[in-house]
């Protein structure tokens, strides 16, 4: 089962440095959000959506779609020239296909609000 497909879009307000990444992620039903981390790595502003297995579910849901609204906070707005989003399960107990989902965008591809 290949999941972890992020669909995302970059939004910003004209004349400000207020940037937001909206992501829609298709992922296994027994995963929950562990954390969202962001930092500047190798010429990319990298956003990691870290997942883990939800052990409290009595029955396994095959897949789910979650929406995330991530406010981007770079120290320099030029760091948003290239943005990479990574969705990954960091729990070794879950073995159900492709462990990563990635995509790229950048400041020039954003939409004004």
PDB file of N, CA and C in Angstrom:
ATOM      1  N   UNK A   1       0.845  -1.160   0.000  1.00  0.00           N
ATOM      2  CA  UNK A   1       0.000   0.000   0.000  1.00  0.00           C
ATOM      3  C   UNK A   1       0.900   1.236   0.000  1.00  0.00           C
ATOM      4  N   UNK A   2       0.844   2.036  -1.035  1.00  0.00           N
ATOM      5  CA  UNK A   2       1.668   3.239  -1.111  1.00  0.00           C
ATOM      6  C   UNK A   2       0.822   4.440  -0.726  1.00  0.00           C
ATOM      7  N   UNK A   3       1.202   5.074   0.373  1.00  0.00           N
ATOM      8  CA  UNK A   3       0.472   6.239   0.862  1.00  0.00           C
ATOM      9  C   UNK A   3       1.451   7.378   1.118  1.00  0.00           C
ATOM     10  N   UNK A   4       1.137   8.262   2.046  1.00  0.00           N
ATOM     11  CA  UNK A   4       1.952   9.419   2.389  1.00  0.00           C
ATOM     12  C   UNK A   4       2.117  10.351   1.196  1.00  0.00           C
ATOM     13  N   UNK A   5       1.051  10.639   0.480  1.00  0.00           N
ATOM     14  CA  UNK A   5       1.138  11.555  -0.639  1.00  0.00           C
ATOM     15  C   UNK A   5       0.701  12.940  -0.202  1.00  0.00           C
ATOM     16  N   UNK A   6       1.632  13.895  -0.085  1.00  0.00           N
ATOM     17  CA  UNK A   6       1.218  15.244   0.302  1.00  0.00           C
ATOM     18  C   UNK A   6       0.789  16.072  -0.904  1.00  0.00           C
ATOM     19  N   UNK A   7      -0.339  16.760  -0.781  1.00  0.00           N
ATOM     20  CA  UNK A   7      -0.739  17.781  -1.736  1.00  0.00           C
ATOM     21  C   UNK A   7      -0.689  19.082  -0.950  1.00  0.00           C
ATOM     22  N   UNK A   8       0.014  20.079  -1.437  1.00  0.00           N
ATOM     23  CA  UNK A   8       0.170  21.281  -0.635  1.00  0.00           C
ATOM     24  C   UNK A   8       0.233  22.523  -1.497  1.00  0.00           C
ATOM     25  N   UNK A   9      -0.020  23.655  -0.857  1.00  0.00           N
ATOM     26  CA  UNK A   9       0.006  24.926  -1.538  1.00  0.00           C
ATOM     27  C   UNK A   9       0.555  25.978  -0.589  1.00  0.00           C
ATOM     28  N   UNK A  10       1.292  26.922  -1.119  1.00  0.00           N
ATOM     29  CA  UNK A  10       1.898  27.993  -0.345  1.00  0.00           C
ATOM     30  C   UNK A  10       1.052  29.251  -0.486  1.00  0.00           C
ATOM     31  N   UNK A  11       0.695  29.873   0.641  1.00  0.00           N
ATOM     32  CA  UNK A  11      -0.095  31.102   0.638  1.00  0.00           C
ATOM     33  C   UNK A  11       0.676  32.201   1.344  1.00  0.00           C
ATOM     34  N   UNK A  12       0.474  33.440   0.897  1.00  0.00           N
ATOM     35  CA  UNK A  12       1.118  34.568   1.566  1.00  0.00           C
ATOM     36  C   UNK A  12       0.265  35.814   1.408  1.00  0.00           C
ATOM     37  N   UNK A  13       0.427  36.739   2.330  1.00  0.00           N
ATOM     38  CA  UNK A  13      -0.267  38.027   2.266  1.00  0.00           C
ATOM     39  C   UNK A  13       0.653  39.030   1.589  1.00  0.00           C
ATOM     40  N   UNK A  14       0.126  39.790   0.633  1.00  0.00           N
ATOM     41  CA  UNK A  14       0.910  40.762  -0.114  1.00  0.00           C
ATOM     42  C   UNK A  14       1.521  41.796   0.824  1.00  0.00           C
ATOM     43  N   UNK A  15       2.808  42.067   0.633  1.00  0.00           N
ATOM     44  CA  UNK A  15       3.490  43.096   1.394  1.00  0.00           C
ATOM     45  C   UNK A  15       3.937  42.672   2.784  1.00  0.00           C
ATOM     46  N   UNK A  16       3.778  41.403   3.128  1.00  0.00           N
ATOM     47  CA  UNK A  16       4.220  40.931   4.445  1.00  0.00           C
ATOM     48  C   UNK A  16       5.106  39.708   4.276  1.00  0.00           C
ATOM     49  N   UNK A  17       5.630  39.245   5.377  1.00  0.00           N
ATOM     50  CA  UNK A  17       6.406  38.002   5.348  1.00  0.00           C
ATOM     51  C   UNK A  17       5.617  36.886   6.034  1.00  0.00           C
ATOM     52  N   UNK A  18       4.298  36.975   5.955  1.00  0.00           N
ATOM     53  CA  UNK A  18       3.411  35.987   6.556  1.00  0.00           C
ATOM     54  C   UNK A  18       3.123  34.888   5.522  1.00  0.00           C
ATOM     55  N   UNK A  19       3.850  33.783   5.617  1.00  0.00           N
ATOM     56  CA  UNK A  19       3.687  32.672   4.682  1.00  0.00           C
ATOM     57  C   UNK A  19       3.095  31.466   5.400  1.00  0.00           C
ATOM     58  N   UNK A  20       2.205  30.764   4.692  1.00  0.00           N
ATOM     59  CA  UNK A  20       1.535  29.605   5.268  1.00  0.00           C
ATOM     60  C   UNK A  20       1.516  28.475   4.237  1.00  0.00           C
ATOM     61  N   UNK A  21       1.783  27.278   4.691  1.00  0.00           N
ATOM     62  CA  UNK A  21       1.739  26.100   3.838  1.00  0.00           C
ATOM     63  C   UNK A  21       0.532  25.273   4.260  1.00  0.00           C
ATOM     64  N   UNK A  22      -0.398  25.062   3.342  1.00  0.00           N
ATOM     65  CA  UNK A  22      -1.543  24.199   3.591  1.00  0.00           C
ATOM     66  C   UNK A  22      -1.267  22.861   2.938  1.00  0.00           C
ATOM     67  N   UNK A  23      -1.330  21.785   3.719  1.00  0.00           N
ATOM     68  CA  UNK A  23      -1.017  20.457   3.194  1.00  0.00           C
ATOM     69  C   UNK A  23      -2.169  19.503   3.451  1.00  0.00           C
ATOM     70  N   UNK A  24      -2.468  18.713   2.453  1.00  0.00           N
ATOM     71  CA  UNK A  24      -3.457  17.656   2.538  1.00  0.00           C
ATOM     72  C   UNK A  24      -2.687  16.359   2.330  1.00  0.00           C
ATOM     73  N   UNK A  25      -2.729  15.450   3.320  1.00  0.00           N
ATOM     74  CA  UNK A  25      -1.894  14.253   3.286  1.00  0.00           C
ATOM     75  C   UNK A  25      -2.763  12.996   3.377  1.00  0.00           C
ATOM     76  N   UNK A  26      -2.577  12.101   2.411  1.00  0.00           N
ATOM     77  CA  UNK A  26      -3.211  10.793   2.440  1.00  0.00           C
ATOM     78  C   UNK A  26      -2.241   9.849   3.139  1.00  0.00           C
ATOM     79  N   UNK A  27      -2.696   9.232   4.243  1.00  0.00           N
ATOM     80  CA  UNK A  27      -1.795   8.404   5.044  1.00  0.00           C
ATOM     81  C   UNK A  27      -2.558   7.220   5.618  1.00  0.00           C
ATOM     82  N   UNK A  28      -1.842   6.227   6.152  1.00  0.00           N
ATOM     83  CA  UNK A  28      -2.506   5.073   6.740  1.00  0.00           C
ATOM     84  C   UNK A  28      -3.431   5.487   7.889  1.00  0.00           C
ATOM     85  N   UNK A  29      -4.512   4.757   8.044  1.00  0.00           N
ATOM     86  CA  UNK A  29      -5.520   5.090   9.051  1.00  0.00           C
ATOM     87  C   UNK A  29      -5.059   4.944  10.477  1.00  0.00           C
ATOM     88  N   UNK A  30      -4.031   4.162  10.724  1.00  0.00           N
ATOM     89  CA  UNK A  30      -3.573   3.982  12.100  1.00  0.00           C
ATOM     90  C   UNK A  30      -2.371   4.856  12.437  1.00  0.00           C
ATOM     91  N   UNK A  31      -2.171   5.940  11.693  1.00  0.00           N
ATOM     92  CA  UNK A  31      -1.107   6.900  12.003  1.00  0.00           C
ATOM     93  C   UNK A  31      -1.704   8.161  12.613  1.00  0.00           C
ATOM     94  N   UNK A  32      -0.953   8.760  13.522  1.00  0.00           N
ATOM     95  CA  UNK A  32      -1.324  10.048  14.100  1.00  0.00           C
ATOM     96  C   UNK A  32      -0.120  10.983  14.018  1.00  0.00           C
ATOM     97  N   UNK A  33      -0.386  12.261  14.145  1.00  0.00           N
ATOM     98  CA  UNK A  33       0.674  13.256  14.070  1.00  0.00           C
ATOM     99  C   UNK A  33       1.505  13.226  15.344  1.00  0.00           C
ATOM    100  N   UNK A  34       2.817  13.124  15.175  1.00  0.00           N
ATOM    101  CA  UNK A  34       3.735  13.210  16.311  1.00  0.00           C
ATOM    102  C   UNK A  34       4.235  14.641  16.451  1.00  0.00           C
ATOM    103  N   UNK A  35       4.708  15.245  15.346  1.00  0.00           N
ATOM    104  CA  UNK A  35       5.174  16.627  15.391  1.00  0.00           C
ATOM    105  C   UNK A  35       5.334  17.161  13.979  1.00  0.00           C
ATOM    106  N   UNK A  36       5.432  18.487  13.890  1.00  0.00           N
ATOM    107  CA  UNK A  36       5.764  19.159  12.636  1.00  0.00           C
ATOM    108  C   UNK A  36       6.994  20.006  12.915  1.00  0.00           C
ATOM    109  N   UNK A  37       8.056  19.738  12.175  1.00  0.00           N
ATOM    110  CA  UNK A  37       9.313  20.461  12.366  1.00  0.00           C
ATOM    111  C   UNK A  37       9.656  21.194  11.084  1.00  0.00           C
ATOM    112  N   UNK A  38      10.297  22.351  11.233  1.00  0.00           N
ATOM    113  CA  UNK A  38      10.729  23.105  10.060  1.00  0.00           C
ATOM    114  C   UNK A  38      12.054  23.784  10.349  1.00  0.00           C
ATOM    115  N   UNK A  39      12.936  23.751   9.344  1.00  0.00           N
ATOM    116  CA  UNK A  39      14.216  24.446   9.427  1.00  0.00           C
ATOM    117  C   UNK A  39      14.835  24.536   8.034  1.00  0.00           C
ATOM    118  N   UNK A  40      15.914  25.292   7.941  1.00  0.00           N
ATOM    119  CA  UNK A  40      16.591  25.505   6.673  1.00  0.00           C
ATOM    120  C   UNK A  40      17.723  24.495   6.529  1.00  0.00           C
ATOM    121  N   UNK A  41      17.637  23.634   5.477  1.00  0.00           N
ATOM    122  CA  UNK A  41      18.610  22.567   5.265  1.00  0.00           C
ATOM    123  C   UNK A  41      19.015  22.537   3.791  1.00  0.00           C
ATOM    124  N   UNK A  42      20.304  22.670   3.499  1.00  0.00           N
ATOM    125  CA  UNK A  42      20.843  22.519   2.136  1.00  0.00           C
ATOM    126  C   UNK A  42      20.051  23.286   1.072  1.00  0.00           C
ATOM    127  N   UNK A  43      19.908  24.580   1.224  1.00  0.00           N
ATOM    128  CA  UNK A  43      19.218  25.451   0.266  1.00  0.00           C
ATOM    129  C   UNK A  43      17.716  25.228   0.184  1.00  0.00           C
ATOM    130  N   UNK A  44      17.122  24.479   1.101  1.00  0.00           N
ATOM    131  CA  UNK A  44      15.678  24.250   1.143  1.00  0.00           C
ATOM    132  C   UNK A  44      15.144  24.632   2.514  1.00  0.00           C
ATOM    133  N   UNK A  45      13.936  25.203   2.532  1.00  0.00           N
ATOM    134  CA  UNK A  45      13.201  25.310   3.779  1.00  0.00           C
ATOM    135  C   UNK A  45      12.463  23.975   3.896  1.00  0.00           C
ATOM    136  N   UNK A  46      12.815  23.178   4.873  1.00  0.00           N
ATOM    137  CA  UNK A  46      12.304  21.817   4.989  1.00  0.00           C
ATOM    138  C   UNK A  46      11.231  21.742   6.073  1.00  0.00           C
ATOM    139  N   UNK A  47      10.079  21.193   5.699  1.00  0.00           N
ATOM    140  CA  UNK A  47       8.974  20.979   6.629  1.00  0.00           C
ATOM    141  C   UNK A  47       8.774  19.473   6.738  1.00  0.00           C
ATOM    142  N   UNK A  48       8.909  18.935   7.949  1.00  0.00           N
ATOM    143  CA  UNK A  48       8.729  17.500   8.181  1.00  0.00           C
ATOM    144  C   UNK A  48       7.471  17.261   9.000  1.00  0.00           C
ATOM    145  N   UNK A  49       6.573  16.457   8.452  1.00  0.00           N
ATOM    146  CA  UNK A  49       5.394  16.018   9.193  1.00  0.00           C
ATOM    147  C   UNK A  49       5.711  14.616   9.678  1.00  0.00           C
ATOM    148  N   UNK A  50       5.943  14.493  10.988  1.00  0.00           N
ATOM    149  CA  UNK A  50       6.339  13.210  11.576  1.00  0.00           C
ATOM    150  C   UNK A  50       5.107  12.494  12.123  1.00  0.00           C
ATOM    151  N   UNK A  51       4.956  11.252  11.698  1.00  0.00           N
ATOM    152  CA  UNK A  51       3.814  10.439  12.113  1.00  0.00           C
ATOM    153  C   UNK A  51       4.280   9.289  12.992  1.00  0.00           C
ATOM    154  N   UNK A  52       3.337   8.747  13.753  1.00  0.00           N
ATOM    155  CA  UNK A  52       3.609   7.525  14.513  1.00  0.00           C
ATOM    156  C   UNK A  52       2.342   6.676  14.523  1.00  0.00           C
ATOM    157  N   UNK A  53       2.491   5.423  14.902  1.00  0.00           N
ATOM    158  CA  UNK A  53       1.366   4.493  14.937  1.00  0.00           C
ATOM    159  C   UNK A  53       0.470   4.796  16.123  1.00  0.00           C
ATOM    160  N   UNK A  54      -0.839   4.793  15.888  1.00  0.00           N
ATOM    161  CA  UNK A  54      -1.811   4.990  16.955  1.00  0.00           C
ATOM    162  C   UNK A  54      -2.176   3.622  17.522  1.00  0.00           C
ATOM    163  N   UNK A  55      -1.692   3.334  18.708  1.00  0.00           N
ATOM    164  CA  UNK A  55      -1.896   2.007  19.298  1.00  0.00           C
ATOM    165  C   UNK A  55      -3.250   1.858  19.981  1.00  0.00           C
ATOM    166  N   UNK A  56      -4.028   2.947  20.082  1.00  0.00           N
ATOM    167  CA  UNK A  56      -5.313   2.879  20.779  1.00  0.00           C
ATOM    168  C   UNK A  56      -6.475   2.501  19.873  1.00  0.00           C
ATOM    169  N   UNK A  57      -6.244   2.431  18.571  1.00  0.00           N
ATOM    170  CA  UNK A  57      -7.330   2.060  17.669  1.00  0.00           C
ATOM    171  C   UNK A  57      -7.658   0.580  17.820  1.00  0.00           C
ATOM    172  N   UNK A  58      -8.945   0.282  18.010  1.00  0.00           N
ATOM    173  CA  UNK A  58      -9.336  -1.114  18.155  1.00  0.00           C
ATOM    174  C   UNK A  58      -9.360  -1.835  16.810  1.00  0.00           C
ATOM    175  N   UNK A  59      -9.746  -1.137  15.767  1.00  0.00           N
ATOM    176  CA  UNK A  59      -9.687  -1.727  14.428  1.00  0.00           C
ATOM    177  C   UNK A  59      -8.950  -0.771  13.508  1.00  0.00           C
ATOM    178  N   UNK A  60      -8.235  -1.324  12.567  1.00  0.00           N
ATOM    179  CA  UNK A  60      -7.385  -0.519  11.699  1.00  0.00           C
ATOM    180  C   UNK A  60      -8.219   0.074  10.558  1.00  0.00           C
ATOM    181  N   UNK A  61      -8.129   1.385  10.416  1.00  0.00           N
ATOM    182  CA  UNK A  61      -8.741   2.083   9.292  1.00  0.00           C
ATOM    183  C   UNK A  61      -7.711   2.032   8.166  1.00  0.00           C
ATOM    184  N   UNK A  62      -8.141   1.679   6.970  1.00  0.00           N
ATOM    185  CA  UNK A  62      -7.191   1.478   5.882  1.00  0.00           C
ATOM    186  C   UNK A  62      -6.406   2.744   5.542  1.00  0.00           C
ATOM    187  N   UNK A  63      -7.079   3.868   5.359  1.00  0.00           N
ATOM    188  CA  UNK A  63      -6.391   5.113   5.049  1.00  0.00           C
ATOM    189  C   UNK A  63      -7.230   6.296   5.508  1.00  0.00           C
ATOM    190  N   UNK A  64      -6.567   7.435   5.646  1.00  0.00           N
ATOM    191  CA  UNK A  64      -7.234   8.661   6.048  1.00  0.00           C
ATOM    192  C   UNK A  64      -6.585   9.844   5.347  1.00  0.00           C
ATOM    193  N   UNK A  65      -7.307  10.948   5.299  1.00  0.00           N
ATOM    194  CA  UNK A  65      -6.786  12.176   4.713  1.00  0.00           C
ATOM    195  C   UNK A  65      -6.827  13.246   5.806  1.00  0.00           C
ATOM    196  N   UNK A  66      -5.691  13.853   6.077  1.00  0.00           N
ATOM    197  CA  UNK A  66      -5.579  14.890   7.105  1.00  0.00           C
ATOM    198  C   UNK A  66      -5.142  16.195   6.470  1.00  0.00           C
ATOM    199  N   UNK A  67      -5.629  17.294   7.028  1.00  0.00           N
ATOM    200  CA  UNK A  67      -5.267  18.622   6.555  1.00  0.00           C
ATOM    201  C   UNK A  67      -4.420  19.311   7.616  1.00  0.00           C
ATOM    202  N   UNK A  68      -3.321  19.926   7.185  1.00  0.00           N
ATOM    203  CA  UNK A  68      -2.419  20.640   8.090  1.00  0.00           C
ATOM    204  C   UNK A  68      -2.249  22.068   7.590  1.00  0.00           C
ATOM    205  N   UNK A  69      -2.289  23.037   8.504  1.00  0.00           N
ATOM    206  CA  UNK A  69      -2.024  24.440   8.195  1.00  0.00           C
ATOM    207  C   UNK A  69      -0.763  24.818   8.958  1.00  0.00           C
ATOM    208  N   UNK A  70       0.319  25.061   8.223  1.00  0.00           N
ATOM    209  CA  UNK A  70       1.635  25.263   8.830  1.00  0.00           C
ATOM    210  C   UNK A  70       2.101  26.688   8.566  1.00  0.00           C
ATOM    211  N   UNK A  71       2.268  27.451   9.630  1.00  0.00           N
ATOM    212  CA  UNK A  71       2.784  28.810   9.519  1.00  0.00           C
ATOM    213  C   UNK A  71       4.306  28.730   9.409  1.00  0.00           C
ATOM    214  N   UNK A  72       4.865  29.277   8.329  1.00  0.00           N
ATOM    215  CA  UNK A  72       6.307  29.200   8.091  1.00  0.00           C
ATOM    216  C   UNK A  72       7.011  30.359   8.792  1.00  0.00           C
ATOM    217  N   UNK A  73       8.091  30.065   9.500  1.00  0.00           N
ATOM    218  CA  UNK A  73       8.788  31.063  10.302  1.00  0.00           C
ATOM    219  C   UNK A  73      10.294  31.081  10.023  1.00  0.00           C
ATOM    220  N   UNK A  74      10.697  31.488   8.818  1.00  0.00           N
ATOM    221  CA  UNK A  74      12.134  31.560   8.532  1.00  0.00           C
ATOM    222  C   UNK A  74      12.760  32.812   9.157  1.00  0.00           C
ATOM    223  N   UNK A  75      14.049  32.755   9.435  1.00  0.00           N
ATOM    224  CA  UNK A  75      14.748  33.934   9.945  1.00  0.00           C
ATOM    225  C   UNK A  75      14.969  34.947   8.822  1.00  0.00           C
ATOM    226  N   UNK A  76      15.059  34.460   7.575  1.00  0.00           N
ATOM    227  CA  UNK A  76      15.213  35.317   6.407  1.00  0.00           C
ATOM    228  C   UNK A  76      14.219  34.836   5.350  1.00  0.00           C
ATOM    229  N   UNK A  77      13.412  35.731   4.822  1.00  0.00           N
ATOM    230  CA  UNK A  77      12.363  35.360   3.866  1.00  0.00           C
ATOM    231  C   UNK A  77      12.934  34.713   2.604  1.00  0.00           C
ATOM    232  N   UNK A  78      14.206  34.995   2.278  1.00  0.00           N
ATOM    233  CA  UNK A  78      14.840  34.398   1.099  1.00  0.00           C
ATOM    234  C   UNK A  78      15.014  32.891   1.244  1.00  0.00           C
ATOM    235  N   UNK A  79      14.934  32.376   2.472  1.00  0.00           N
ATOM    236  CA  UNK A  79      15.043  30.929   2.688  1.00  0.00           C
ATOM    237  C   UNK A  79      13.855  30.182   2.097  1.00  0.00           C
ATOM    238  N   UNK A  80      12.769  30.882   1.791  1.00  0.00           N
ATOM    239  CA  UNK A  80      11.579  30.237   1.233  1.00  0.00           C
ATOM    240  C   UNK A  80      11.616  30.132  -0.289  1.00  0.00           C
ATOM    241  N   UNK A  81      12.754  30.409  -0.907  1.00  0.00           N
ATOM    242  CA  UNK A  81      12.874  30.261  -2.354  1.00  0.00           C
ATOM    243  C   UNK A  81      12.591  28.829  -2.787  1.00  0.00           C
ATOM    244  N   UNK A  82      13.020  27.861  -1.981  1.00  0.00           N
ATOM    245  CA  UNK A  82      12.753  26.451  -2.243  1.00  0.00           C
ATOM    246  C   UNK A  82      12.215  25.842  -0.954  1.00  0.00           C
ATOM    247  N   UNK A  83      11.081  25.157  -1.064  1.00  0.00           N
ATOM    248  CA  UNK A  83      10.467  24.524   0.100  1.00  0.00           C
ATOM    249  C   UNK A  83      10.286  23.045  -0.201  1.00  0.00           C
ATOM    250  N   UNK A  84      10.669  22.209   0.744  1.00  0.00           N
ATOM    251  CA  UNK A  84      10.481  20.764   0.608  1.00  0.00           C
ATOM    252  C   UNK A  84       9.620  20.304   1.775  1.00  0.00           C
ATOM    253  N   UNK A  85       8.604  19.505   1.478  1.00  0.00           N
ATOM    254  CA  UNK A  85       7.770  18.920   2.523  1.00  0.00           C
ATOM    255  C   UNK A  85       7.996  17.421   2.525  1.00  0.00           C
ATOM    256  N   UNK A  86       8.172  16.864   3.712  1.00  0.00           N
ATOM    257  CA  UNK A  86       8.426  15.434   3.867  1.00  0.00           C
ATOM    258  C   UNK A  86       7.424  14.884   4.879  1.00  0.00           C
ATOM    259  N   UNK A  87       6.728  13.831   4.503  1.00  0.00           N
ATOM    260  CA  UNK A  87       5.803  13.143   5.397  1.00  0.00           C
ATOM    261  C   UNK A  87       6.387  11.769   5.629  1.00  0.00           C
ATOM    262  N   UNK A  88       6.612  11.420   6.901  1.00  0.00           N
ATOM    263  CA  UNK A  88       7.276  10.153   7.176  1.00  0.00           C
ATOM    264  C   UNK A  88       6.771   9.556   8.479  1.00  0.00           C
ATOM    265  N   UNK A  89       6.658   8.234   8.481  1.00  0.00           N
ATOM    266  CA  UNK A  89       6.325   7.503   9.701  1.00  0.00           C
ATOM    267  C   UNK A  89       7.628   7.170  10.414  1.00  0.00           C
ATOM    268  N   UNK A  90       7.764   7.625  11.644  1.00  0.00           N
ATOM    269  CA  UNK A  90       8.983   7.387  12.411  1.00  0.00           C
ATOM    270  C   UNK A  90       8.823   6.239  13.399  1.00  0.00           C
ATOM    271  N   UNK A  91       7.718   5.526  13.307  1.00  0.00           N
ATOM    272  CA  UNK A  91       7.461   4.391  14.187  1.00  0.00           C
ATOM    273  C   UNK A  91       7.828   3.105  13.446  1.00  0.00           C
ATOM    274  N   UNK A  92       8.807   2.356  13.935  1.00  0.00           N
ATOM    275  CA  UNK A  92       9.265   1.139  13.265  1.00  0.00           C
ATOM    276  C   UNK A  92       8.242   0.022  13.278  1.00  0.00           C
ATOM    277  N   UNK A  93       7.208   0.131  14.120  1.00  0.00           N
ATOM    278  CA  UNK A  93       6.218  -0.928  14.210  1.00  0.00           C
ATOM    279  C   UNK A  93       5.302  -0.971  12.989  1.00  0.00           C
ATOM    280  N   UNK A  94       5.197   0.126  12.282  1.00  0.00           N
ATOM    281  CA  UNK A  94       4.279   0.197  11.152  1.00  0.00           C
ATOM    282  C   UNK A  94       5.034  -0.107   9.864  1.00  0.00           C
ATOM    283  N   UNK A  95       4.672  -1.179   9.201  1.00  0.00           N
ATOM    284  CA  UNK A  95       5.341  -1.568   7.960  1.00  0.00           C
ATOM    285  C   UNK A  95       4.285  -1.783   6.888  1.00  0.00           C
ATOM    286  N   UNK A  96       3.883  -0.717   6.234  1.00  0.00           N
ATOM    287  CA  UNK A  96       2.815  -0.861   5.244  1.00  0.00           C
ATOM    288  C   UNK A  96       3.089  -0.077   3.976  1.00  0.00           C
ATOM    289  N   UNK A  97       4.262  -0.226   3.429  1.00  0.00           N
ATOM    290  CA  UNK A  97       4.508   0.382   2.126  1.00  0.00           C
ATOM    291  C   UNK A  97       5.554   1.474   2.166  1.00  0.00           C
ATOM    292  N   UNK A  98       5.440   2.365   1.227  1.00  0.00           N
ATOM    293  CA  UNK A  98       6.389   3.449   1.024  1.00  0.00           C
ATOM    294  C   UNK A  98       6.509   4.324   2.278  1.00  0.00           C
ATOM    295  N   UNK A  99       7.697   4.436   2.885  1.00  0.00           N
ATOM    296  CA  UNK A  99       7.819   5.163   4.141  1.00  0.00           C
ATOM    297  C   UNK A  99       7.880   6.675   4.002  1.00  0.00           C
ATOM    298  N   UNK A 100       8.055   7.196   2.807  1.00  0.00           N
ATOM    299  CA  UNK A 100       8.226   8.632   2.647  1.00  0.00           C
ATOM    300  C   UNK A 100       7.270   9.202   1.613  1.00  0.00           C
ATOM    301  N   UNK A 101       6.940  10.451   1.801  1.00  0.00           N
ATOM    302  CA  UNK A 101       6.234  11.234   0.795  1.00  0.00           C
ATOM    303  C   UNK A 101       6.918  12.579   0.744  1.00  0.00           C
ATOM    304  N   UNK A 102       7.257  13.047  -0.441  1.00  0.00           N
ATOM    305  CA  UNK A 102       7.982  14.311  -0.566  1.00  0.00           C
ATOM    306  C   UNK A 102       7.398  15.146  -1.689  1.00  0.00           C
ATOM    307  N   UNK A 103       7.641  16.443  -1.608  1.00  0.00           N
ATOM    308  CA  UNK A 103       7.266  17.359  -2.670  1.00  0.00           C
ATOM    309  C   UNK A 103       8.014  18.661  -2.510  1.00  0.00           C
ATOM    310  N   UNK A 104       8.101  19.427  -3.590  1.00  0.00           N
ATOM    311  CA  UNK A 104       8.824  20.700  -3.586  1.00  0.00           C
ATOM    312  C   UNK A 104       7.928  21.820  -4.087  1.00  0.00           C
ATOM    313  N   UNK A 105       8.173  23.030  -3.591  1.00  0.00           N
ATOM    314  CA  UNK A 105       7.538  24.245  -4.090  1.00  0.00           C
ATOM    315  C   UNK A 105       8.505  25.379  -3.803  1.00  0.00           C
ATOM    316  N   UNK A 106       8.067  26.601  -3.933  1.00  0.00           N
ATOM    317  CA  UNK A 106       8.934  27.733  -3.628  1.00  0.00           C
ATOM    318  C   UNK A 106       8.175  29.023  -3.551  1.00  0.00           C
ATOM    319  N   UNK A 107       8.860  30.056  -3.121  1.00  0.00           N
ATOM    320  CA  UNK A 107       8.236  31.351  -2.891  1.00  0.00           C
ATOM    321  C   UNK A 107       7.595  31.910  -4.150  1.00  0.00           C
ATOM    322  N   UNK A 108       8.147  31.632  -5.305  1.00  0.00           N
ATOM    323  CA  UNK A 108       7.583  32.126  -6.559  1.00  0.00           C
ATOM    324  C   UNK A 108       6.328  31.410  -6.994  1.00  0.00           C
ATOM    325  N   UNK A 109       6.021  30.281  -6.380  1.00  0.00           N
ATOM    326  CA  UNK A 109       4.856  29.485  -6.755  1.00  0.00           C
ATOM    327  C   UNK A 109       3.692  29.637  -5.790  1.00  0.00           C
ATOM    328  N   UNK A 110       3.794  30.561  -4.844  1.00  0.00           N
ATOM    329  CA  UNK A 110       2.730  30.722  -3.849  1.00  0.00           C
ATOM    330  C   UNK A 110       1.534  31.477  -4.395  1.00  0.00           C
ATOM    331  N   UNK A 111       0.431  31.435  -3.644  1.00  0.00           N
ATOM    332  CA  UNK A 111      -0.785  32.143  -4.008  1.00  0.00           C
ATOM    333  C   UNK A 111      -1.040  33.264  -3.008  1.00  0.00           C
ATOM    334  N   UNK A 112      -1.439  34.428  -3.516  1.00  0.00           N
ATOM    335  CA  UNK A 112      -1.781  35.530  -2.640  1.00  0.00           C
ATOM    336  C   UNK A 112      -3.125  35.280  -1.991  1.00  0.00           C
ATOM    337  N   UNK A 113      -3.255  35.711  -0.734  1.00  0.00           N
ATOM    338  CA  UNK A 113      -4.551  35.599  -0.062  1.00  0.00           C
ATOM    339  C   UNK A 113      -5.364  36.839  -0.286  1.00  0.00           C
TER     340      UNK A 113
END
